[in-house]
Each structure stands twice: as C-alpha cells, then as structure tokens.
Amino acid sequence: MTVAASGQPVERQPGTTPGPPFLESDDLRADFKVLRDRGVTFDQPEPEDYGFGVRIEAVDPDGNRISLRQRAAWQSRGDG
C-alpha cells in the first residue's frame, strides 16, 4: 500500500475510483446560501447534520461531485 505525504499525490491503483474532494467550512450553512445564490447545484435542498458535523455535496458543470463539510464543534476544539 502506498501512502502519500500530506499534499502529495498518491499513485492510483487499478480498479479504484477516487472519491470527491472535500472542502472544509467554518460556517457551512452560510457558505451554502452564498454558493446556492451564485448558482451552484447541490444534491439536497439544505446541508444535513451527521455524527461528525454538517455536510452537503455540490455538482460542478461537468457532473463531478464536491463534498462540503463543517466539522462538529467538539472536533474543532481538538479534544475529540
């Protein structure tokens, strides 16, 4: 198994498909409204809460998915 250093590309293995990139936000609900108002297409009408924070996926003009997330407050404090 090849592990790349932070910020370095890793060699793709045959038969694997990379997942969507993640964009982190400090206030995902506010950023979602700005992006939606600017015409970004999302897969759901609003961001959703989940065990580790808030998330939603956007779709770019070529159909590529981009995940946007906001970590839960307990993760941001560094004690989780």
N, C-alpha and C. Protein backbone atom coordinates (compact mmCIF):
# COMPACT_ATOMS: atom_id res chain seq x y z
N MET A 1 0.85 -1.18 0.00
CA MET A 1 0.00 0.00 0.00
C MET A 1 0.89 1.23 0.00
N THR A 2 0.62 2.17 -0.89
CA THR A 2 1.38 3.41 -0.98
C THR A 2 0.64 4.51 -0.24
N VAL A 3 1.33 5.19 0.64
CA VAL A 3 0.75 6.30 1.37
C VAL A 3 1.53 7.55 1.02
N ALA A 4 0.83 8.57 0.55
CA ALA A 4 1.49 9.81 0.17
C ALA A 4 1.60 10.73 1.37
N ALA A 5 2.63 11.55 1.36
CA ALA A 5 2.77 12.58 2.39
C ALA A 5 1.67 13.61 2.19
N SER A 6 1.38 14.35 3.21
CA SER A 6 0.33 15.37 3.14
C SER A 6 0.54 16.28 1.94
N GLY A 7 -0.50 16.42 1.14
CA GLY A 7 -0.44 17.31 -0.02
C GLY A 7 0.23 16.72 -1.23
N GLN A 8 0.66 15.46 -1.16
CA GLN A 8 1.33 14.81 -2.28
C GLN A 8 0.38 13.82 -2.94
N PRO A 9 0.44 13.71 -4.26
CA PRO A 9 -0.43 12.74 -4.94
C PRO A 9 0.01 11.32 -4.64
N VAL A 10 -0.94 10.42 -4.66
CA VAL A 10 -0.65 9.01 -4.46
C VAL A 10 -0.92 8.29 -5.79
N GLU A 11 -0.15 7.27 -6.06
CA GLU A 11 -0.33 6.51 -7.29
C GLU A 11 -1.66 5.76 -7.23
N ARG A 12 -2.50 5.94 -8.26
CA ARG A 12 -3.79 5.26 -8.29
C ARG A 12 -3.62 3.80 -8.58
N GLN A 13 -4.35 2.98 -7.85
CA GLN A 13 -4.31 1.55 -8.05
C GLN A 13 -5.36 1.15 -9.08
N PRO A 14 -5.06 0.17 -9.92
CA PRO A 14 -6.04 -0.28 -10.92
C PRO A 14 -7.35 -0.70 -10.25
N GLY A 15 -8.46 -0.31 -10.84
CA GLY A 15 -9.77 -0.69 -10.33
C GLY A 15 -10.29 0.18 -9.22
N THR A 16 -9.58 1.25 -8.89
CA THR A 16 -10.06 2.16 -7.85
C THR A 16 -10.55 3.46 -8.46
N THR A 17 -11.49 4.06 -7.80
CA THR A 17 -12.03 5.33 -8.24
C THR A 17 -11.91 6.31 -7.08
N PRO A 18 -11.25 7.45 -7.30
CA PRO A 18 -11.13 8.41 -6.20
C PRO A 18 -12.48 9.00 -5.84
N GLY A 19 -12.66 9.31 -4.58
CA GLY A 19 -13.90 9.94 -4.12
C GLY A 19 -13.86 11.43 -4.38
N PRO A 20 -14.93 12.11 -4.02
CA PRO A 20 -14.98 13.56 -4.26
C PRO A 20 -14.03 14.29 -3.32
N PRO A 21 -13.51 15.43 -3.76
CA PRO A 21 -12.71 16.24 -2.85
C PRO A 21 -13.60 16.85 -1.78
N PHE A 22 -13.02 17.14 -0.62
CA PHE A 22 -13.74 17.76 0.49
C PHE A 22 -13.26 19.19 0.65
N LEU A 23 -14.21 20.11 0.81
CA LEU A 23 -13.90 21.49 1.15
C LEU A 23 -14.42 21.72 2.56
N GLU A 24 -13.56 22.22 3.42
CA GLU A 24 -13.93 22.48 4.82
C GLU A 24 -14.48 23.90 4.94
N SER A 25 -15.43 24.08 5.84
CA SER A 25 -16.03 25.38 6.10
C SER A 25 -16.16 25.58 7.61
N ASP A 26 -16.02 26.82 8.05
CA ASP A 26 -16.27 27.15 9.45
C ASP A 26 -17.75 27.41 9.70
N ASP A 27 -18.50 27.74 8.62
CA ASP A 27 -19.94 28.01 8.71
C ASP A 27 -20.58 27.52 7.42
N LEU A 28 -20.79 26.23 7.33
CA LEU A 28 -21.28 25.61 6.09
C LEU A 28 -22.65 26.12 5.68
N ARG A 29 -23.53 26.34 6.63
CA ARG A 29 -24.87 26.81 6.25
C ARG A 29 -24.82 28.19 5.61
N ALA A 30 -23.99 29.08 6.10
CA ALA A 30 -23.84 30.41 5.50
C ALA A 30 -23.17 30.30 4.13
N ASP A 31 -22.11 29.49 4.03
CA ASP A 31 -21.43 29.31 2.74
C ASP A 31 -22.36 28.66 1.72
N PHE A 32 -23.18 27.71 2.16
CA PHE A 32 -24.15 27.06 1.28
C PHE A 32 -25.08 28.10 0.66
N LYS A 33 -25.60 29.02 1.46
CA LYS A 33 -26.52 30.04 0.94
C LYS A 33 -25.84 30.92 -0.10
N VAL A 34 -24.60 31.31 0.16
CA VAL A 34 -23.86 32.14 -0.81
C VAL A 34 -23.66 31.37 -2.11
N LEU A 35 -23.20 30.13 -2.01
CA LEU A 35 -22.95 29.33 -3.21
C LEU A 35 -24.24 29.05 -3.97
N ARG A 36 -25.31 28.71 -3.26
CA ARG A 36 -26.61 28.45 -3.92
C ARG A 36 -27.09 29.69 -4.65
N ASP A 37 -26.96 30.86 -4.01
CA ASP A 37 -27.38 32.11 -4.64
C ASP A 37 -26.55 32.45 -5.87
N ARG A 38 -25.34 31.90 -5.94
CA ARG A 38 -24.46 32.12 -7.09
C ARG A 38 -24.63 31.06 -8.17
N GLY A 39 -25.60 30.15 -7.97
CA GLY A 39 -25.93 29.18 -9.00
C GLY A 39 -25.32 27.80 -8.86
N VAL A 40 -24.66 27.51 -7.74
CA VAL A 40 -24.10 26.18 -7.55
C VAL A 40 -25.23 25.18 -7.35
N THR A 41 -25.12 24.02 -7.98
CA THR A 41 -26.12 22.96 -7.87
C THR A 41 -25.72 22.01 -6.74
N PHE A 42 -26.69 21.70 -5.87
CA PHE A 42 -26.46 20.79 -4.76
C PHE A 42 -27.35 19.57 -4.90
N ASP A 43 -26.96 18.47 -4.26
CA ASP A 43 -27.74 17.24 -4.35
C ASP A 43 -28.93 17.21 -3.40
N GLN A 44 -28.97 18.13 -2.44
CA GLN A 44 -30.07 18.22 -1.49
C GLN A 44 -30.44 19.69 -1.30
N PRO A 45 -31.64 19.96 -0.80
CA PRO A 45 -32.07 21.35 -0.65
C PRO A 45 -31.35 22.10 0.47
N GLU A 46 -30.82 21.40 1.47
CA GLU A 46 -30.13 22.02 2.61
C GLU A 46 -29.02 21.10 3.09
N PRO A 47 -27.97 21.65 3.72
CA PRO A 47 -26.96 20.79 4.34
C PRO A 47 -27.60 19.93 5.43
N GLU A 48 -27.02 18.76 5.68
CA GLU A 48 -27.57 17.87 6.70
C GLU A 48 -26.57 17.65 7.83
N ASP A 49 -27.13 17.49 9.03
CA ASP A 49 -26.32 17.18 10.20
C ASP A 49 -26.03 15.69 10.20
N TYR A 50 -24.84 15.34 10.62
CA TYR A 50 -24.49 13.93 10.81
C TYR A 50 -23.55 13.86 12.00
N GLY A 51 -23.15 12.68 12.40
CA GLY A 51 -22.41 12.49 13.64
C GLY A 51 -21.16 13.32 13.82
N PHE A 52 -20.53 13.72 12.73
CA PHE A 52 -19.27 14.44 12.83
C PHE A 52 -19.36 15.88 12.37
N GLY A 53 -20.56 16.40 12.14
CA GLY A 53 -20.71 17.79 11.73
C GLY A 53 -21.88 18.01 10.79
N VAL A 54 -21.63 18.80 9.76
CA VAL A 54 -22.65 19.16 8.76
C VAL A 54 -22.02 18.94 7.39
N ARG A 55 -22.82 18.46 6.44
CA ARG A 55 -22.26 18.26 5.10
C ARG A 55 -23.33 18.37 4.03
N ILE A 56 -22.84 18.56 2.80
CA ILE A 56 -23.67 18.56 1.60
C ILE A 56 -22.74 18.35 0.41
N GLU A 57 -23.27 17.87 -0.70
CA GLU A 57 -22.46 17.71 -1.90
C GLU A 57 -22.97 18.62 -2.99
N ALA A 58 -22.02 19.24 -3.68
CA ALA A 58 -22.31 20.07 -4.83
C ALA A 58 -21.92 19.29 -6.09
N VAL A 59 -22.45 19.72 -7.22
CA VAL A 59 -22.12 19.10 -8.50
C VAL A 59 -21.63 20.20 -9.43
N ASP A 60 -20.41 20.02 -9.99
CA ASP A 60 -19.88 21.05 -10.89
C ASP A 60 -20.51 20.90 -12.28
N PRO A 61 -20.26 21.84 -13.19
CA PRO A 61 -20.88 21.78 -14.52
C PRO A 61 -20.58 20.52 -15.31
N ASP A 62 -19.47 19.81 -14.98
CA ASP A 62 -19.13 18.57 -15.67
C ASP A 62 -19.68 17.33 -14.98
N GLY A 63 -20.45 17.53 -13.89
CA GLY A 63 -21.05 16.41 -13.19
C GLY A 63 -20.19 15.83 -12.07
N ASN A 64 -19.03 16.44 -11.79
CA ASN A 64 -18.18 15.98 -10.71
C ASN A 64 -18.76 16.42 -9.37
N ARG A 65 -18.68 15.54 -8.39
CA ARG A 65 -19.21 15.85 -7.05
C ARG A 65 -18.11 16.44 -6.19
N ILE A 66 -18.50 17.41 -5.37
CA ILE A 66 -17.60 18.07 -4.44
C ILE A 66 -18.30 18.08 -3.08
N SER A 67 -17.69 17.49 -2.09
CA SER A 67 -18.27 17.43 -0.74
C SER A 67 -17.85 18.65 0.05
N LEU A 68 -18.81 19.28 0.68
CA LEU A 68 -18.54 20.41 1.57
C LEU A 68 -18.90 19.97 2.97
N ARG A 69 -18.05 20.29 3.93
CA ARG A 69 -18.35 19.87 5.29
C ARG A 69 -17.88 20.89 6.32
N GLN A 70 -18.52 20.82 7.46
CA GLN A 70 -18.13 21.59 8.63
C GLN A 70 -18.01 20.59 9.76
N ARG A 71 -16.86 20.55 10.38
CA ARG A 71 -16.66 19.62 11.48
C ARG A 71 -17.50 20.02 12.68
N ALA A 72 -17.87 19.02 13.48
CA ALA A 72 -18.59 19.27 14.72
C ALA A 72 -17.71 20.10 15.65
N ALA A 73 -18.32 20.89 16.50
CA ALA A 73 -17.58 21.77 17.40
C ALA A 73 -16.58 21.00 18.24
N TRP A 74 -16.93 19.79 18.69
CA TRP A 74 -16.01 19.03 19.52
C TRP A 74 -14.76 18.62 18.74
N GLN A 75 -14.84 18.48 17.42
CA GLN A 75 -13.67 18.15 16.61
C GLN A 75 -12.79 19.38 16.42
N SER A 76 -13.41 20.53 16.29
CA SER A 76 -12.66 21.77 16.06
C SER A 76 -11.83 22.15 17.28
N ARG A 77 -12.25 21.74 18.46
CA ARG A 77 -11.53 22.08 19.68
C ARG A 77 -10.27 21.24 19.84
N GLY A 78 -10.18 20.16 19.10
CA GLY A 78 -9.02 19.30 19.20
C GLY A 78 -9.05 18.32 20.35
N ASP A 79 -10.22 18.16 20.99
CA ASP A 79 -10.30 17.21 22.10
C ASP A 79 -11.04 15.94 21.73
N GLY A 80 -11.26 15.71 20.41
CA GLY A 80 -12.00 14.52 20.01
C GLY A 80 -11.21 13.69 19.15
